[in-house]
Amino acid sequence: MLLGDHGEFKECLTRDAKGILSLYEAAHMGTTTDYILDEALTFTLNNLESLSCTCKPNLSRLIRNSLDLPQHKNMEILVAEEFIRWYKEQDFHSKLAPYYRDILVELDLHTLTYLEPKLSRVSIFLTKFYTMQIILDDTCDRYASFREVEILVDIFGRWDLEDHAMDGLPDYLKSVVKFVFGTFQEFEREIGSELGGLYSLEVTIEYFKIYMRSNLQLAKWASVDHLPSFEEYLDVAGIEIAVVFTLACVLMAMENICKEEAYEWLKSREKLVRAMTTKARVPNDMFGYEDDMSRGYLTGSVNCYKKQYGVSEEEAFRKLRQLTAEIDKMMDEELLKPINVPRQVLKVVMIDTLRAINVAYDKRDGFNRRDGHLKNITSM
């Protein structure tokens, strides 16, 4: 009940920023006889301004926007635009041009797999996470020198926002470092006060450092055209495809779960997680094979498989397709095994993420080839 014994709005509501915002939005839908909604509007207006200064950043932004013009009175397209304003504010075009992939629509498509309203924070976190990961991938793989990648990994390994090693970096790399640190600071502001929040942030940062070390190893191999064994390549490149990092970020963003228990469960699913990384890595390499070869990038699944097993390019592709089909069956078996976390965690962390991978690499690489099937999906 919203009202107290004497018909006044309860004082406890003033501590619920989300609830007050929802009531404020609802109050704008009243008719000429809905006097209680008039009272609700006055009550919420008296509290929203101060709440916007104390609540979490994403909610604070929504409150300020709603105070300017409530969603019920706004154009739907402008309401939707509020959720991509963060991307525009980063001004990547001036800081990172021309090498990074500006693929916000493709990245947002993958957050739609986490569609339930209670998972809205997962979608918000992953939009920022995917943007960060794509920029780092393009920086390490396509633009930065091997020495610059070494410096990046070293800086992130120390995790010092005042690190003087940044002083000698070119401006575009300084922008990359500041963006990464800034993104994690946003995560901290959002979850830092929650039970297990700082723990999940620390775990995610450790996964990030591992991800960056895998980028360095791939850059080292690529700089000398080295082809490791197929298994060794997957050990490193499977981490670089950032599936594990994604799963950690999803857990960090989820609310009302025991974070330590969830991360321990994730670590225990090593076979399934490795299968998911291979499911993403191998098709990514196969679809990007011609592009990689055209720019002299040899270290990938196809070439490593060809070298290890002495087969032709055509045979390597056939075997790799067979491998991914077998992985699908193995993952189905793994997903049927008993779990020690809520079923919702399994669905959101594993199954929904796997579905996003399936869409990305169903027929071709939807990220590197923007005229591919993801474009058709997003234009439906």
Protein backbone atom coordinates (compact mmCIF):
# COMPACT_ATOMS: atom_id res chain seq x y z
CA MET A 1 0.00 0.00 0.00
CA LEU A 2 1.22 3.46 -0.91
CA LEU A 3 -0.91 5.38 1.57
CA GLY A 4 -0.74 5.53 5.36
CA ASP A 5 -3.60 5.41 7.87
CA HIS A 6 -4.49 9.06 7.30
CA GLY A 7 -4.38 8.98 3.49
CA GLU A 8 -0.88 10.42 3.16
CA PHE A 9 1.87 8.84 1.07
CA LYS A 10 4.12 6.75 3.28
CA GLU A 11 7.46 8.23 4.31
CA CYS A 12 9.30 5.00 3.47
CA LEU A 13 8.56 5.60 -0.23
CA THR A 14 10.97 8.53 -0.23
CA ARG A 15 13.87 6.08 0.08
CA ASP A 16 12.84 4.12 -3.02
CA ALA A 17 14.15 6.07 -6.03
CA LYS A 18 12.87 3.57 -8.61
CA GLY A 19 9.46 3.45 -6.98
CA ILE A 20 9.17 7.23 -6.76
CA LEU A 21 10.16 7.56 -10.43
CA SER A 22 7.57 4.97 -11.47
CA LEU A 23 4.88 6.73 -9.44
CA TYR A 24 5.89 10.07 -10.97
CA GLU A 25 5.54 8.64 -14.49
CA ALA A 26 2.17 7.07 -13.62
CA ALA A 27 0.92 10.36 -12.16
CA HIS A 28 1.08 11.92 -15.65
CA MET A 29 -1.57 9.50 -16.93
CA GLY A 30 -4.39 10.78 -14.73
CA THR A 31 -7.82 11.97 -15.88
CA THR A 32 -9.84 14.93 -14.63
CA THR A 33 -11.19 12.90 -11.74
CA ASP A 34 -7.98 11.10 -10.67
CA TYR A 35 -7.29 13.40 -7.72
CA ILE A 36 -5.01 10.86 -6.04
CA LEU A 37 -2.67 11.10 -9.03
CA ASP A 38 -2.53 14.88 -8.61
CA GLU A 39 -1.40 14.28 -5.04
CA ALA A 40 1.07 11.65 -6.25
CA LEU A 41 2.57 14.16 -8.69
CA THR A 42 3.10 16.71 -5.94
CA PHE A 43 4.56 14.07 -3.62
CA THR A 44 7.00 12.68 -6.21
CA LEU A 45 8.12 16.11 -7.41
CA ASN A 46 9.03 17.03 -3.85
CA ASN A 47 11.37 14.03 -3.64
CA LEU A 48 12.78 13.28 -7.10
CA GLU A 49 15.15 16.22 -7.33
CA SER A 50 17.02 15.28 -4.16
CA LEU A 51 16.95 11.56 -5.04
CA SER A 52 18.62 12.26 -8.39
CA CYS A 53 21.66 13.56 -6.50
CA THR A 54 22.08 10.50 -4.29
CA CYS A 55 21.03 7.44 -6.35
CA LYS A 56 23.07 5.40 -8.81
CA PRO A 57 24.24 7.12 -12.04
CA ASN A 58 21.96 5.36 -14.51
CA LEU A 59 18.88 5.92 -12.39
CA SER A 60 19.92 9.52 -11.71
CA ARG A 61 20.07 10.18 -15.46
CA LEU A 62 16.58 8.69 -15.96
CA ILE A 63 15.17 10.84 -13.16
CA ARG A 64 16.65 14.05 -14.59
CA ASN A 65 15.37 13.24 -18.07
CA SER A 66 11.91 12.42 -16.74
CA LEU A 67 11.78 15.67 -14.77
CA ASP A 68 12.48 17.52 -18.02
CA LEU A 69 9.76 15.62 -19.89
CA PRO A 70 7.98 12.47 -18.62
CA GLN A 71 7.99 9.44 -20.91
CA HIS A 72 4.19 9.53 -21.29
CA LYS A 73 4.46 12.99 -22.87
CA ASN A 74 7.65 12.38 -24.84
CA MET A 75 8.16 10.93 -28.31
CA GLU A 76 8.99 7.22 -28.07
CA ILE A 77 12.06 7.54 -30.29
CA LEU A 78 13.47 10.23 -27.99
CA VAL A 79 12.84 8.09 -24.93
CA ALA A 80 14.74 5.25 -26.59
CA GLU A 81 17.53 7.65 -27.52
CA GLU A 82 18.13 8.34 -23.84
CA PHE A 83 19.61 4.87 -23.56
CA ILE A 84 22.29 5.48 -26.23
CA ARG A 85 23.24 9.00 -25.05
CA TRP A 86 26.15 7.50 -23.08
CA TYR A 87 27.75 6.25 -26.32
CA LYS A 88 27.53 9.64 -28.00
CA GLU A 89 29.09 11.37 -25.02
CA GLN A 90 32.27 9.29 -25.39
CA ASP A 91 33.07 11.04 -28.71
CA PHE A 92 34.97 8.02 -30.06
CA HIS A 93 35.11 9.49 -33.56
CA SER A 94 37.50 12.25 -32.56
CA LYS A 95 39.50 10.18 -30.06
CA LEU A 96 39.95 6.85 -31.88
CA ALA A 97 39.23 7.43 -35.57
CA PRO A 98 39.69 5.83 -38.00
CA TYR A 99 40.47 2.31 -36.84
CA TYR A 100 37.71 1.23 -34.45
CA ARG A 101 34.43 -0.39 -35.48
CA ASP A 102 31.48 1.91 -34.80
CA ILE A 103 28.88 -0.84 -34.43
CA LEU A 104 26.55 0.29 -31.66
CA VAL A 105 23.47 -1.23 -33.32
CA GLU A 106 25.13 -4.64 -33.62
CA LEU A 107 26.29 -4.46 -30.00
CA ASP A 108 22.87 -3.40 -28.75
CA LEU A 109 21.29 -6.32 -30.59
CA HIS A 110 23.19 -8.72 -28.35
CA THR A 111 21.98 -7.03 -25.20
CA LEU A 112 18.40 -7.72 -26.31
CA THR A 113 18.85 -11.36 -25.35
CA TYR A 114 18.59 -10.15 -21.74
CA LEU A 115 15.10 -8.80 -22.35
CA GLU A 116 13.31 -9.12 -19.00
CA PRO A 117 12.81 -5.77 -17.23
CA LYS A 118 14.62 -7.05 -14.14
CA LEU A 119 17.71 -7.60 -16.32
CA SER A 120 17.83 -4.02 -17.59
CA ARG A 121 21.09 -3.41 -15.71
CA VAL A 122 22.65 -6.41 -17.45
CA SER A 123 21.82 -4.82 -20.82
CA ILE A 124 23.23 -1.46 -19.74
CA PHE A 125 26.45 -2.98 -18.40
CA LEU A 126 26.93 -5.15 -21.46
CA THR A 127 26.49 -2.25 -23.86
CA LYS A 128 29.39 -0.53 -22.12
CA PHE A 129 31.34 -3.76 -21.82
CA TYR A 130 30.95 -4.71 -25.48
CA THR A 131 31.95 -1.21 -26.56
CA MET A 132 35.08 -1.44 -24.42
CA GLN A 133 35.91 -4.93 -25.69
CA ILE A 134 35.50 -4.01 -29.38
CA ILE A 135 37.76 -0.95 -28.97
CA LEU A 136 40.43 -3.01 -27.19
CA ASP A 137 40.18 -5.78 -29.76
CA ASP A 138 40.61 -3.37 -32.68
CA THR A 139 43.40 -1.54 -30.87
CA CYS A 140 45.43 -4.67 -30.12
CA ASP A 141 44.61 -6.60 -33.27
CA ARG A 142 44.51 -3.97 -36.00
CA TYR A 143 46.23 -0.75 -35.01
CA ALA A 144 48.62 -0.62 -32.06
CA SER A 145 52.21 -1.80 -32.33
CA PHE A 146 53.29 -4.83 -30.35
CA ARG A 147 55.19 -2.56 -27.96
CA GLU A 148 52.10 -0.43 -27.40
CA VAL A 149 50.05 -3.53 -26.61
CA GLU A 150 52.73 -4.55 -24.09
CA ILE A 151 52.45 -1.15 -22.39
CA LEU A 152 48.65 -1.37 -22.31
CA VAL A 153 48.72 -4.81 -20.69
CA ASP A 154 51.32 -3.64 -18.18
CA ILE A 155 49.24 -0.58 -17.22
CA PHE A 156 46.07 -2.61 -16.77
CA GLY A 157 47.99 -5.25 -14.86
CA ARG A 158 48.98 -2.69 -12.21
CA TRP A 159 45.48 -1.13 -12.26
CA ASP A 160 46.72 2.27 -11.18
CA LEU A 161 44.66 5.22 -12.41
CA GLU A 162 47.64 7.51 -11.76
CA ASP A 163 50.09 5.29 -13.62
CA HIS A 164 52.86 7.47 -15.12
CA ALA A 165 53.46 4.88 -17.83
CA MET A 166 50.53 6.51 -19.61
CA ASP A 167 52.53 9.70 -20.06
CA GLY A 168 54.49 8.27 -22.97
CA LEU A 169 51.50 6.85 -24.81
CA PRO A 170 50.08 8.43 -27.96
CA ASP A 171 46.85 10.35 -27.41
CA TYR A 172 44.60 7.66 -28.87
CA LEU A 173 45.93 5.06 -26.41
CA LYS A 174 45.56 7.48 -23.51
CA SER A 175 41.91 7.77 -24.56
CA VAL A 176 41.57 3.97 -24.57
CA VAL A 177 43.05 3.65 -21.08
CA LYS A 178 40.91 6.47 -19.67
CA PHE A 179 37.79 4.97 -21.21
CA VAL A 180 38.48 1.54 -19.70
CA PHE A 181 39.19 2.92 -16.23
CA GLY A 182 36.19 5.24 -16.50
CA THR A 183 33.88 2.38 -17.47
CA PHE A 184 34.94 0.28 -14.50
CA GLN A 185 34.48 3.30 -12.24
CA GLU A 186 30.90 3.55 -13.52
CA PHE A 187 30.41 -0.13 -12.67
CA GLU A 188 31.78 0.52 -9.18
CA ARG A 189 29.48 3.47 -8.56
CA GLU A 190 26.51 1.36 -9.62
CA ILE A 191 27.21 -1.78 -7.56
CA GLY A 192 29.72 -0.74 -4.90
CA SER A 193 27.18 -0.43 -2.09
CA GLU A 194 25.49 -3.76 -2.83
CA LEU A 195 26.15 -6.97 -0.93
CA GLY A 196 28.94 -8.71 -2.84
CA GLY A 197 29.21 -5.79 -5.25
CA LEU A 198 32.87 -4.95 -4.71
CA TYR A 199 33.76 -8.66 -4.72
CA SER A 200 32.14 -9.14 -8.13
CA LEU A 201 33.88 -6.02 -9.43
CA GLU A 202 37.28 -7.33 -8.30
CA VAL A 203 36.63 -10.72 -9.93
CA THR A 204 35.57 -9.07 -13.18
CA ILE A 205 38.71 -6.91 -13.18
CA GLU A 206 40.83 -10.04 -12.78
CA TYR A 207 39.05 -11.63 -15.76
CA PHE A 208 39.73 -8.43 -17.67
CA LYS A 209 43.46 -8.65 -16.93
CA ILE A 210 43.51 -12.26 -18.17
CA TYR A 211 41.67 -11.13 -21.31
CA MET A 212 44.29 -8.43 -21.93
CA ARG A 213 47.16 -10.89 -21.46
CA SER A 214 45.58 -13.12 -24.12
CA ASN A 215 45.51 -10.11 -26.46
CA LEU A 216 49.23 -9.65 -25.87
CA GLN A 217 49.99 -13.30 -26.58
CA LEU A 218 48.05 -13.22 -29.84
CA ALA A 219 49.80 -10.00 -30.83
CA LYS A 220 53.17 -11.65 -30.09
CA TRP A 221 52.34 -14.67 -32.27
CA ALA A 222 50.97 -12.50 -35.06
CA SER A 223 54.02 -10.22 -35.08
CA VAL A 224 56.23 -13.16 -36.14
CA ASP A 225 53.58 -15.15 -38.08
CA HIS A 226 53.80 -17.95 -35.52
CA LEU A 227 51.27 -20.79 -35.73
CA PRO A 228 50.93 -22.63 -32.39
CA SER A 229 49.17 -25.96 -32.09
CA PHE A 230 45.42 -25.80 -32.57
CA GLU A 231 44.82 -26.59 -28.89
CA GLU A 232 47.33 -24.00 -27.69
CA TYR A 233 45.76 -21.42 -29.97
CA LEU A 234 42.28 -22.11 -28.57
CA ASP A 235 43.62 -21.83 -25.00
CA VAL A 236 44.66 -18.25 -25.71
CA ALA A 237 42.29 -17.09 -28.46
CA GLY A 238 39.32 -18.59 -26.63
CA ILE A 239 39.99 -16.14 -23.80
CA GLU A 240 40.60 -13.27 -26.22
CA ILE A 241 37.13 -13.71 -27.77
CA ALA A 242 35.95 -12.44 -24.35
CA VAL A 243 33.21 -14.99 -23.62
CA VAL A 244 34.51 -15.60 -20.08
CA PHE A 245 34.86 -11.87 -19.52
CA THR A 246 31.27 -11.45 -20.74
CA LEU A 247 29.96 -14.09 -18.34
CA ALA A 248 31.73 -12.38 -15.43
CA CYS A 249 30.22 -9.04 -16.43
CA VAL A 250 26.72 -10.54 -16.62
CA LEU A 251 27.08 -11.93 -13.09
CA MET A 252 28.38 -8.59 -11.85
CA ALA A 253 25.34 -6.81 -13.29
CA MET A 254 22.73 -9.26 -12.00
CA GLU A 255 20.87 -8.20 -8.89
CA ASN A 256 19.61 -10.22 -5.91
CA ILE A 257 21.99 -13.17 -6.30
CA CYS A 258 24.80 -14.43 -4.08
CA LYS A 259 27.80 -13.19 -6.04
CA GLU A 260 30.48 -15.38 -4.45
CA GLU A 261 28.38 -18.50 -4.95
CA ALA A 262 27.66 -17.53 -8.57
CA TYR A 263 31.33 -16.98 -9.43
CA GLU A 264 32.32 -20.26 -7.81
CA TRP A 265 29.66 -21.97 -9.90
CA LEU A 266 31.02 -20.28 -13.04
CA LYS A 267 34.52 -21.55 -12.27
CA SER A 268 33.15 -25.06 -11.77
CA ARG A 269 31.65 -25.11 -15.26
CA GLU A 270 35.07 -25.15 -16.95
CA LYS A 271 34.09 -27.68 -19.64
CA LEU A 272 30.98 -25.74 -20.61
CA VAL A 273 32.72 -22.37 -20.56
CA ARG A 274 35.57 -23.68 -22.71
CA ALA A 275 33.03 -25.08 -25.17
CA MET A 276 31.33 -21.69 -25.35
CA THR A 277 34.63 -19.95 -26.06
CA THR A 278 35.41 -22.42 -28.85
CA LYS A 279 31.86 -22.00 -30.20
CA ALA A 280 32.54 -18.27 -30.54
CA ARG A 281 36.22 -18.36 -31.53
CA VAL A 282 36.21 -20.91 -34.35
CA PRO A 283 33.29 -19.47 -36.39
CA ASN A 284 34.69 -15.98 -35.84
CA ASP A 285 37.99 -17.09 -37.38
CA MET A 286 36.33 -18.98 -40.21
CA PHE A 287 34.13 -16.06 -41.25
CA GLY A 288 37.02 -13.62 -40.90
CA TYR A 289 39.58 -15.85 -42.63
CA GLU A 290 39.67 -14.03 -45.98
CA ASP A 291 39.89 -10.63 -44.33
CA ASP A 292 42.68 -11.82 -42.00
CA MET A 293 44.66 -13.29 -44.88
CA SER A 294 44.26 -10.14 -46.98
CA ARG A 295 45.94 -8.07 -44.26
CA GLY A 296 48.63 -10.65 -43.56
CA TYR A 297 47.20 -11.91 -40.27
CA LEU A 298 47.95 -15.64 -40.24
CA THR A 299 47.43 -16.73 -36.61
CA GLY A 300 43.91 -18.15 -36.55
CA SER A 301 41.93 -21.37 -36.17
CA VAL A 302 42.07 -22.34 -39.85
CA ASN A 303 45.81 -21.97 -40.32
CA CYS A 304 46.67 -23.54 -36.96
CA TYR A 305 44.47 -26.54 -37.81
CA LYS A 306 45.96 -26.82 -41.30
CA LYS A 307 49.51 -26.84 -39.93
CA GLN A 308 48.88 -29.31 -37.09
CA TYR A 309 46.97 -31.86 -39.13
CA GLY A 310 48.53 -31.30 -42.55
CA VAL A 311 45.22 -30.75 -44.33
CA SER A 312 44.02 -28.43 -47.06
CA GLU A 313 42.11 -25.24 -46.44
CA GLU A 314 38.90 -26.88 -47.64
CA GLU A 315 39.39 -29.86 -45.33
CA ALA A 316 40.20 -27.59 -42.39
CA PHE A 317 36.93 -25.73 -42.87
CA ARG A 318 35.00 -28.98 -43.05
CA LYS A 319 36.59 -30.32 -39.86
CA LEU A 320 36.04 -27.06 -37.99
CA ARG A 321 32.35 -27.02 -38.93
CA GLN A 322 32.13 -30.58 -37.68
CA LEU A 323 33.84 -29.55 -34.45
CA THR A 324 31.33 -26.78 -33.75
CA ALA A 325 28.42 -29.17 -34.42
CA GLU A 326 29.86 -31.63 -31.89
CA ILE A 327 30.34 -28.81 -29.39
CA ASP A 328 26.64 -27.94 -29.66
CA LYS A 329 25.71 -31.47 -28.59
CA MET A 330 28.22 -31.50 -25.76
CA MET A 331 26.93 -28.17 -24.42
CA ASP A 332 23.36 -29.50 -24.47
CA GLU A 333 24.56 -32.37 -22.26
CA GLU A 334 26.39 -30.03 -19.89
CA LEU A 335 23.38 -27.74 -19.54
CA LEU A 336 21.25 -30.68 -18.37
CA LYS A 337 23.53 -31.47 -15.43
CA PRO A 338 22.46 -30.52 -11.88
CA ILE A 339 23.33 -26.99 -10.80
CA ASN A 340 23.86 -25.40 -7.39
CA VAL A 341 22.66 -21.91 -8.27
CA PRO A 342 19.18 -20.64 -9.16
CA ARG A 343 18.01 -21.78 -12.58
CA GLN A 344 17.62 -18.14 -13.57
CA VAL A 345 21.38 -17.68 -13.23
CA LEU A 346 22.03 -20.59 -15.58
CA LYS A 347 19.58 -19.21 -18.12
CA VAL A 348 20.86 -15.65 -18.06
CA VAL A 349 24.58 -16.34 -17.79
CA MET A 350 24.98 -19.39 -20.00
CA ILE A 351 21.94 -20.02 -22.18
CA ASP A 352 21.12 -16.42 -23.11
CA THR A 353 24.78 -15.63 -23.82
CA LEU A 354 25.05 -18.75 -25.98
CA ARG A 355 21.98 -17.68 -27.93
CA ALA A 356 23.63 -14.33 -28.65
CA ILE A 357 26.70 -16.19 -29.97
CA ASN A 358 24.46 -18.30 -32.20
CA VAL A 359 22.86 -15.21 -33.73
CA ALA A 360 26.21 -13.50 -34.27
CA TYR A 361 27.73 -16.42 -36.16
CA ASP A 362 24.71 -18.14 -37.66
CA LYS A 363 25.57 -17.56 -41.32
CA ARG A 364 28.46 -15.11 -41.34
CA ASP A 365 30.39 -12.71 -39.13
CA GLY A 366 27.90 -10.03 -38.21
CA PHE A 367 30.52 -7.79 -36.62
CA ASN A 368 33.29 -7.62 -39.20
CA ARG A 369 30.92 -7.70 -42.18
CA ARG A 370 28.27 -5.07 -41.57
CA ASP A 371 26.32 -5.98 -44.72
CA GLY A 372 25.65 -9.40 -43.22
CA HIS A 373 22.63 -10.98 -41.59
CA LEU A 374 22.72 -8.81 -38.44
CA LYS A 375 21.95 -5.81 -40.62
CA ASN A 376 18.87 -7.59 -41.93
CA ILE A 377 17.80 -8.53 -38.41
CA THR A 378 18.16 -5.00 -37.06
CA SER A 379 16.21 -3.54 -40.00
CA MET A 380 13.18 -5.84 -39.49
